[in-house]
Amino acid sequence: MKKVSVIIPVYAVEQYIADALQSVLSQSYQNFEIILVDDGTPDNSIKICKQFTDPRIKIIQQKNRGASAARNNGIRHAQGEYIAFLDADDTWVSEKLEKHINHLEKSPNVGVSFSYCSFIDEAGKPLGLYNATEYKVITPEAILCRNPIANPSCLVTRREVLEEIKFQQEVNGLVEDCYFDESLRQSEDAECWLRICVKTNWKIEVIPELLATYRLHSIGNSANLVKTLESWEQLTEKARLYAPESVAKWEKPAMAYTLRYLARKAVTMSDGAMAIKLSHKAISTHWQILLEEPRRTLVTLTAAYLLYFLPQPFYTQIKNLGLKFISANQRRRILKDQSRQKSQAVISSSS
């Protein structure tokens, strides 16, 4: 059995880290090491980690440099042939590693295996919403416009894939091998997946199953929406250096989809004015978004206007009905994807 290195950045997660660790220790696939990277956490997170006595757990300490630096540090210390990432506020279902390793072992051209995930709120309550990508082939366009890999907790990658895309970066006077760009504080994961798509021949492929939970935290305020947009612009500028054709072709659509995504975030923050502003900007940036994805675009725009004009209690009732419809639709698509995958497996085994 090949070893998996599970890398968990740790920073201010004392209320979540025990659940994350337990979800790894409960995996059906047991040949792993857990590398906890203490990113200068100010709370009791590491003290909680030390209560777990499993010898496969290792703790690495560094000054606070962010999640990208923590993941880079973890990769440099990893001993496994496979690398898995888990954010300390997320969890895995018990079969996750087993299913990803089987996928990679049976698919020699696949370098990155990722799964769907279920969204939970800050208290751990299921939201009835899921990340279930419609992209069956992950391309630079897919990552720029949609980033179908919801977050790093969803994937397992071959170590050799990361070695192919590593680069050297100077931080505090030291030159280190890096895999995630530490100058990006947001969108750094999408930039890494994009680099894999552009610079290697490895395929990125999905297992259409809900194998992870992804905790959604409150964004806070409109200033954070602006920071998210700025980070996407930084990603685009970096990508322009190694994927100029893809960026030239997809820059405007990608920005429009990002603006629409942020408009939906503004809706969840109950900021109707900001949601309307971002929706209009998305359409003016790439008006074809109305033709390419009319339902999603119009739903976002409608939600923004309803939030702005309707009394809050009435809007809340409409929103809850809409979320139930979206949840049911996502569930149907996940079941359809799973059925399609089983059919393909039967055809492959009989041929």
Protein backbone atom coordinates (compact mmCIF):
# COMPACT_ATOMS: atom_id res chain seq x y z
CA MET A 1 0.00 0.00 0.00
CA LYS A 2 1.34 3.39 -0.98
CA LYS A 3 1.60 6.05 1.68
CA VAL A 4 -0.51 9.21 1.67
CA SER A 5 0.78 12.40 3.27
CA VAL A 6 -2.15 14.40 4.65
CA ILE A 7 -1.21 18.06 5.08
CA ILE A 8 -3.29 20.21 7.44
CA PRO A 9 -2.46 23.91 7.96
CA VAL A 10 -3.32 24.94 11.52
CA TYR A 11 -4.24 28.50 12.42
CA ALA A 12 -6.96 29.62 14.86
CA VAL A 13 -9.08 26.48 14.44
CA GLU A 14 -9.40 25.21 18.01
CA GLN A 15 -13.15 24.60 17.62
CA TYR A 16 -12.71 22.51 14.45
CA ILE A 17 -9.31 20.78 14.43
CA ALA A 18 -10.32 17.74 16.53
CA ASP A 19 -13.11 16.83 14.07
CA ALA A 20 -10.77 17.26 11.10
CA LEU A 21 -8.10 15.04 12.67
CA GLN A 22 -10.60 12.38 13.71
CA SER A 23 -11.99 12.23 10.17
CA VAL A 24 -8.50 11.32 8.91
CA LEU A 25 -7.79 8.80 11.66
CA SER A 26 -11.13 7.10 10.86
CA GLN A 27 -10.24 6.49 7.21
CA SER A 28 -10.67 2.99 5.81
CA TYR A 29 -7.30 3.47 4.06
CA GLN A 30 -4.82 3.54 6.92
CA ASN A 31 -1.38 3.92 5.34
CA PHE A 32 -0.93 7.63 5.86
CA GLU A 33 0.97 10.25 7.79
CA ILE A 34 -0.61 13.46 9.05
CA ILE A 35 1.52 16.58 8.83
CA LEU A 36 0.11 19.39 10.95
CA VAL A 37 1.73 22.70 10.05
CA ASP A 38 1.42 25.16 12.93
CA ASP A 39 1.22 28.50 11.13
CA GLY A 40 1.90 30.48 14.29
CA THR A 41 -1.58 29.80 15.62
CA PRO A 42 -2.51 32.11 18.53
CA ASP A 43 -5.05 29.79 20.17
CA ASN A 44 -5.14 26.28 21.66
CA SER A 45 -5.26 24.45 18.31
CA ILE A 46 -1.87 22.75 18.72
CA LYS A 47 -2.57 21.87 22.34
CA ILE A 48 -5.68 20.04 21.13
CA CYS A 49 -3.67 18.30 18.39
CA LYS A 50 -1.18 17.03 20.96
CA GLN A 51 -3.99 15.20 22.75
CA PHE A 52 -4.00 12.78 19.79
CA THR A 53 -1.22 10.26 20.42
CA ASP A 54 -1.22 8.46 17.06
CA PRO A 55 2.45 8.11 15.97
CA ARG A 56 1.50 8.97 12.37
CA ILE A 57 0.85 12.57 13.43
CA LYS A 58 3.73 15.02 12.98
CA ILE A 59 3.71 18.68 13.96
CA ILE A 60 5.80 21.27 12.11
CA GLN A 61 6.01 24.84 13.33
CA GLN A 62 6.56 28.04 11.38
CA LYS A 63 5.97 31.75 11.81
CA ASN A 64 2.62 32.92 10.50
CA ARG A 65 2.89 33.05 6.70
CA GLY A 66 -0.52 31.85 5.52
CA ALA A 67 -2.07 28.64 4.20
CA SER A 68 0.05 28.51 1.02
CA ALA A 69 3.30 28.62 3.00
CA ALA A 70 1.94 25.97 5.39
CA ARG A 71 1.05 23.65 2.52
CA ASN A 72 4.44 24.22 0.88
CA ASN A 73 6.20 23.41 4.15
CA GLY A 74 4.10 20.30 4.58
CA ILE A 75 4.87 19.07 1.07
CA ARG A 76 8.61 19.55 1.65
CA HIS A 77 8.37 17.31 4.74
CA ALA A 78 6.02 14.74 3.18
CA GLN A 79 7.16 11.13 2.77
CA GLY A 80 4.15 9.81 0.87
CA GLU A 81 3.78 8.99 -2.82
CA TYR A 82 0.37 10.68 -2.66
CA ILE A 83 -0.40 14.08 -1.17
CA ALA A 84 -3.79 15.03 0.27
CA PHE A 85 -4.78 18.39 1.68
CA LEU A 86 -7.32 18.98 4.43
CA ASP A 87 -8.25 22.40 5.74
CA ALA A 88 -8.53 22.24 9.52
CA ASP A 89 -12.19 23.30 9.51
CA ASP A 90 -13.26 20.66 6.97
CA THR A 91 -13.77 16.89 7.31
CA TRP A 92 -13.68 13.74 5.18
CA VAL A 93 -16.02 10.78 4.96
CA SER A 94 -14.32 7.55 6.04
CA GLU A 95 -13.90 6.09 2.53
CA LYS A 96 -12.37 9.20 0.95
CA LEU A 97 -8.71 8.20 0.80
CA GLU A 98 -9.53 4.64 -0.25
CA LYS A 99 -11.65 5.82 -3.18
CA HIS A 100 -9.09 8.35 -4.38
CA ILE A 101 -6.20 5.89 -4.18
CA ASN A 102 -8.22 3.28 -6.10
CA HIS A 103 -9.06 5.92 -8.71
CA LEU A 104 -5.42 6.94 -9.16
CA GLU A 105 -4.12 3.37 -9.17
CA LYS A 106 -6.59 2.36 -11.90
CA SER A 107 -6.03 5.53 -13.97
CA PRO A 108 -2.33 5.97 -14.75
CA ASN A 109 -2.95 9.15 -16.77
CA VAL A 110 -4.80 10.85 -13.92
CA GLY A 111 -2.55 12.92 -11.68
CA VAL A 112 -5.16 14.64 -9.52
CA SER A 113 -8.32 13.00 -8.22
CA PHE A 114 -10.96 15.18 -6.59
CA SER A 115 -14.46 14.72 -5.24
CA TYR A 116 -17.68 16.60 -4.73
CA CYS A 117 -18.30 18.09 -1.30
CA SER A 118 -21.17 19.08 0.98
CA PHE A 119 -21.36 22.60 2.37
CA ILE A 120 -21.83 23.15 6.10
CA ASP A 121 -22.17 26.37 8.07
CA GLU A 122 -19.85 27.67 10.79
CA ALA A 123 -21.64 25.55 13.40
CA GLY A 124 -21.30 22.39 11.28
CA LYS A 125 -24.93 22.31 10.17
CA PRO A 126 -25.47 20.90 6.64
CA LEU A 127 -26.74 23.58 4.28
CA GLY A 128 -28.26 21.14 1.79
CA LEU A 129 -25.95 22.56 -0.90
CA TYR A 130 -23.11 20.85 -2.73
CA ASN A 131 -20.20 21.48 -5.02
CA ALA A 132 -20.90 19.17 -7.94
CA THR A 133 -19.10 20.38 -11.03
CA GLU A 134 -20.63 20.10 -14.47
CA TYR A 135 -17.15 19.93 -16.01
CA LYS A 136 -16.20 16.36 -16.91
CA VAL A 137 -12.85 17.38 -18.40
CA ILE A 138 -10.88 19.86 -16.31
CA THR A 139 -9.25 22.42 -18.61
CA PRO A 140 -7.62 25.83 -18.08
CA GLU A 141 -10.95 27.35 -19.14
CA ALA A 142 -12.78 25.39 -16.43
CA ILE A 143 -10.40 26.57 -13.71
CA LEU A 144 -10.33 30.19 -14.86
CA CYS A 145 -14.10 30.44 -15.24
CA ARG A 146 -15.40 28.13 -12.53
CA ASN A 147 -12.63 26.46 -10.49
CA PRO A 148 -14.55 23.16 -10.23
CA ILE A 149 -12.33 21.97 -7.36
CA ALA A 150 -14.17 23.63 -4.48
CA ASN A 151 -11.17 23.69 -2.15
CA PRO A 152 -7.98 21.71 -1.44
CA SER A 153 -9.80 19.38 0.98
CA CYS A 154 -11.48 17.76 -2.02
CA LEU A 155 -8.41 16.34 -3.75
CA VAL A 156 -5.60 13.79 -3.62
CA THR A 157 -2.64 14.18 -5.98
CA ARG A 158 0.39 12.18 -6.99
CA ARG A 159 3.57 13.61 -5.46
CA GLU A 160 5.21 13.64 -8.90
CA VAL A 161 2.55 16.02 -10.23
CA LEU A 162 3.54 18.63 -7.67
CA GLU A 163 7.22 18.09 -8.40
CA GLU A 164 6.57 18.92 -12.05
CA ILE A 165 5.07 22.32 -11.25
CA LYS A 166 7.26 23.44 -8.35
CA PHE A 167 9.22 26.67 -8.54
CA GLN A 168 11.59 28.56 -6.29
CA GLN A 169 10.44 31.56 -4.33
CA GLU A 170 12.40 33.84 -2.00
CA VAL A 171 10.76 34.43 1.36
CA ASN A 172 12.47 36.33 4.16
CA GLY A 173 15.84 35.93 2.48
CA LEU A 174 15.48 32.16 1.98
CA VAL A 175 14.98 30.52 -1.41
CA GLU A 176 12.64 27.56 -1.09
CA ASP A 177 10.92 25.05 -3.36
CA CYS A 178 7.28 26.07 -3.59
CA TYR A 179 4.15 24.53 -5.05
CA PHE A 180 1.56 27.13 -4.03
CA ASP A 181 2.35 30.79 -4.67
CA GLU A 182 2.81 32.42 -1.27
CA SER A 183 2.30 35.90 -2.69
CA LEU A 184 -1.37 35.00 -3.29
CA ARG A 185 -3.43 34.99 -0.08
CA GLN A 186 -6.59 33.98 -1.93
CA SER A 187 -7.11 31.97 -5.15
CA GLU A 188 -3.72 30.34 -4.56
CA ASP A 189 -5.26 26.88 -4.90
CA ALA A 190 -6.93 27.69 -8.23
CA GLU A 191 -3.61 29.05 -9.53
CA CYS A 192 -1.89 25.78 -8.57
CA TRP A 193 -4.53 23.66 -10.36
CA LEU A 194 -4.23 25.93 -13.40
CA ARG A 195 -0.47 25.43 -13.48
CA ILE A 196 -0.99 21.65 -13.39
CA CYS A 197 -3.40 21.91 -16.34
CA VAL A 198 -1.07 24.08 -18.40
CA LYS A 199 2.39 22.78 -17.53
CA THR A 200 1.85 19.02 -17.28
CA ASN A 201 0.18 16.23 -19.23
CA TRP A 202 -1.60 14.87 -16.16
CA LYS A 203 -5.38 14.69 -16.16
CA ILE A 204 -7.49 16.13 -13.34
CA GLU A 205 -10.52 13.92 -12.86
CA VAL A 206 -13.50 13.88 -10.52
CA ILE A 207 -15.06 11.13 -8.43
CA PRO A 208 -18.75 12.18 -8.49
CA GLU A 209 -19.34 11.44 -4.81
CA LEU A 210 -19.72 13.62 -1.71
CA LEU A 211 -16.51 12.67 0.09
CA ALA A 212 -15.73 15.88 2.01
CA THR A 213 -17.47 18.63 3.92
CA TYR A 214 -16.56 22.25 3.24
CA ARG A 215 -17.28 24.78 5.98
CA LEU A 216 -18.57 28.12 4.73
CA HIS A 217 -17.64 31.05 6.92
CA SER A 218 -19.16 34.50 6.84
CA ILE A 219 -17.22 36.67 4.39
CA GLY A 220 -17.79 39.66 6.65
CA ASN A 221 -18.20 42.81 4.61
CA SER A 222 -17.90 44.32 1.14
CA ALA A 223 -14.18 45.03 1.69
CA ASN A 224 -13.55 41.28 1.69
CA LEU A 225 -15.44 40.95 -1.59
CA VAL A 226 -13.05 43.52 -3.06
CA LYS A 227 -10.05 41.56 -1.73
CA THR A 228 -11.40 38.40 -3.36
CA LEU A 229 -11.72 40.22 -6.67
CA GLU A 230 -8.21 41.63 -6.35
CA SER A 231 -6.83 38.15 -5.68
CA TRP A 232 -8.48 36.85 -8.86
CA GLU A 233 -6.89 39.69 -10.81
CA GLN A 234 -3.51 38.74 -9.33
CA LEU A 235 -4.06 35.12 -10.38
CA THR A 236 -4.86 36.26 -13.92
CA GLU A 237 -1.74 38.40 -14.11
CA LYS A 238 0.48 35.51 -12.99
CA ALA A 239 -1.25 33.07 -15.36
CA ARG A 240 -0.62 35.47 -18.22
CA LEU A 241 3.10 34.63 -17.91
CA TYR A 242 2.73 30.88 -18.53
CA ALA A 243 -0.69 30.58 -20.18
CA PRO A 244 -1.00 33.72 -22.34
CA GLU A 245 -3.33 32.15 -24.93
CA SER A 246 -5.76 30.81 -22.33
CA VAL A 247 -5.82 34.11 -20.45
CA ALA A 248 -6.31 36.14 -23.62
CA LYS A 249 -9.23 33.93 -24.66
CA TRP A 250 -10.95 33.52 -21.30
CA GLU A 251 -10.02 36.59 -19.25
CA LYS A 252 -13.29 38.48 -19.77
CA PRO A 253 -15.61 35.46 -19.33
CA ALA A 254 -13.64 34.42 -16.24
CA MET A 255 -13.95 37.88 -14.73
CA ALA A 256 -17.68 37.93 -15.45
CA TYR A 257 -18.18 34.57 -13.74
CA THR A 258 -16.10 35.76 -10.77
CA LEU A 259 -18.18 38.93 -10.48
CA ARG A 260 -21.38 36.90 -10.60
CA TYR A 261 -20.01 34.59 -7.88
CA LEU A 262 -19.23 37.61 -5.72
CA ALA A 263 -22.73 38.98 -6.38
CA ARG A 264 -24.13 35.76 -4.92
CA LYS A 265 -21.82 36.19 -1.94
CA ALA A 266 -23.15 39.73 -1.50
CA VAL A 267 -26.66 38.29 -1.49
CA THR A 268 -25.72 35.90 1.35
CA MET A 269 -24.34 38.93 3.22
CA SER A 270 -27.73 40.68 2.73
CA ASP A 271 -26.03 43.48 0.81
CA GLY A 272 -28.51 44.02 -2.01
CA ALA A 273 -26.89 47.19 -3.33
CA MET A 274 -23.50 45.49 -3.68
CA ALA A 275 -25.11 42.41 -5.25
CA ILE A 276 -26.81 44.57 -7.90
CA LYS A 277 -23.57 46.46 -8.60
CA LEU A 278 -21.56 43.24 -9.04
CA SER A 279 -24.25 41.60 -11.19
CA HIS A 280 -24.37 44.59 -13.53
CA LYS A 281 -20.58 44.65 -13.73
CA ALA A 282 -20.52 40.94 -14.62
CA ILE A 283 -22.92 41.52 -17.51
CA SER A 284 -21.09 44.62 -18.77
CA THR A 285 -17.74 42.77 -18.59
CA HIS A 286 -18.98 39.85 -20.72
CA TRP A 287 -22.61 40.26 -21.80
CA GLN A 288 -22.57 36.79 -23.39
CA ILE A 289 -22.92 35.38 -19.88
CA LEU A 290 -26.65 35.97 -20.39
CA LEU A 291 -26.60 33.54 -23.33
CA GLU A 292 -24.06 31.07 -21.95
CA GLU A 293 -25.70 30.62 -18.56
CA PRO A 294 -29.01 32.50 -18.62
CA ARG A 295 -30.63 30.75 -15.67
CA ARG A 296 -27.78 31.28 -13.19
CA THR A 297 -27.19 34.84 -14.31
CA LEU A 298 -30.84 35.86 -14.13
CA VAL A 299 -31.36 34.08 -10.80
CA THR A 300 -28.42 36.00 -9.32
CA LEU A 301 -29.69 39.31 -10.70
CA THR A 302 -33.25 38.61 -9.53
CA ALA A 303 -32.07 37.64 -6.04
CA ALA A 304 -30.09 40.88 -5.82
CA TYR A 305 -33.09 43.02 -6.74
CA LEU A 306 -35.50 41.10 -4.51
CA LEU A 307 -33.11 41.51 -1.58
CA TYR A 308 -32.84 45.23 -2.27
CA PHE A 309 -36.56 45.97 -2.65
CA LEU A 310 -38.50 43.39 -0.62
CA PRO A 311 -39.09 43.41 3.16
CA GLN A 312 -36.66 41.01 4.82
CA PRO A 313 -39.24 38.44 6.10
CA PHE A 314 -40.83 38.11 2.65
CA TYR A 315 -37.43 37.85 0.96
CA THR A 316 -36.34 35.15 3.44
CA GLN A 317 -39.35 32.98 2.52
CA ILE A 318 -38.55 33.26 -1.19
CA LYS A 319 -34.86 32.54 -0.54
CA ASN A 320 -35.63 29.38 1.45
CA LEU A 321 -37.86 28.06 -1.34
CA GLY A 322 -35.11 28.79 -3.86
CA LEU A 323 -32.49 26.98 -1.78
CA LYS A 324 -34.71 23.90 -1.55
CA PHE A 325 -35.10 23.86 -5.33
CA ILE A 326 -31.33 24.28 -5.87
CA SER A 327 -30.56 21.53 -3.35
CA ALA A 328 -32.94 19.06 -5.03
CA ASN A 329 -31.53 19.90 -8.46
CA GLN A 330 -27.95 19.37 -7.28
CA ARG A 331 -28.87 16.05 -5.71
CA ARG A 332 -30.44 14.84 -8.97
CA ARG A 333 -27.32 15.81 -10.90
CA ILE A 334 -25.04 14.02 -8.44
CA LEU A 335 -27.09 10.81 -8.73
CA LYS A 336 -27.03 11.14 -12.53
CA ASP A 337 -23.24 11.57 -12.50
CA GLN A 338 -22.81 8.54 -10.26
CA SER A 339 -25.02 6.45 -12.54
CA ARG A 340 -23.01 7.53 -15.56
CA GLN A 341 -19.75 6.64 -13.81
CA LYS A 342 -21.02 3.15 -12.93
CA SER A 343 -22.13 2.56 -16.52
CA GLN A 344 -18.71 3.60 -17.83
CA ALA A 345 -17.00 1.28 -15.34
CA VAL A 346 -19.13 -1.66 -16.50
CA ILE A 347 -18.31 -0.90 -20.16
CA SER A 348 -14.58 -0.62 -19.37
CA SER A 349 -14.49 -3.90 -17.45
CA SER A 350 -16.27 -5.80 -20.21
CA SER A 351 -14.16 -4.45 -23.06
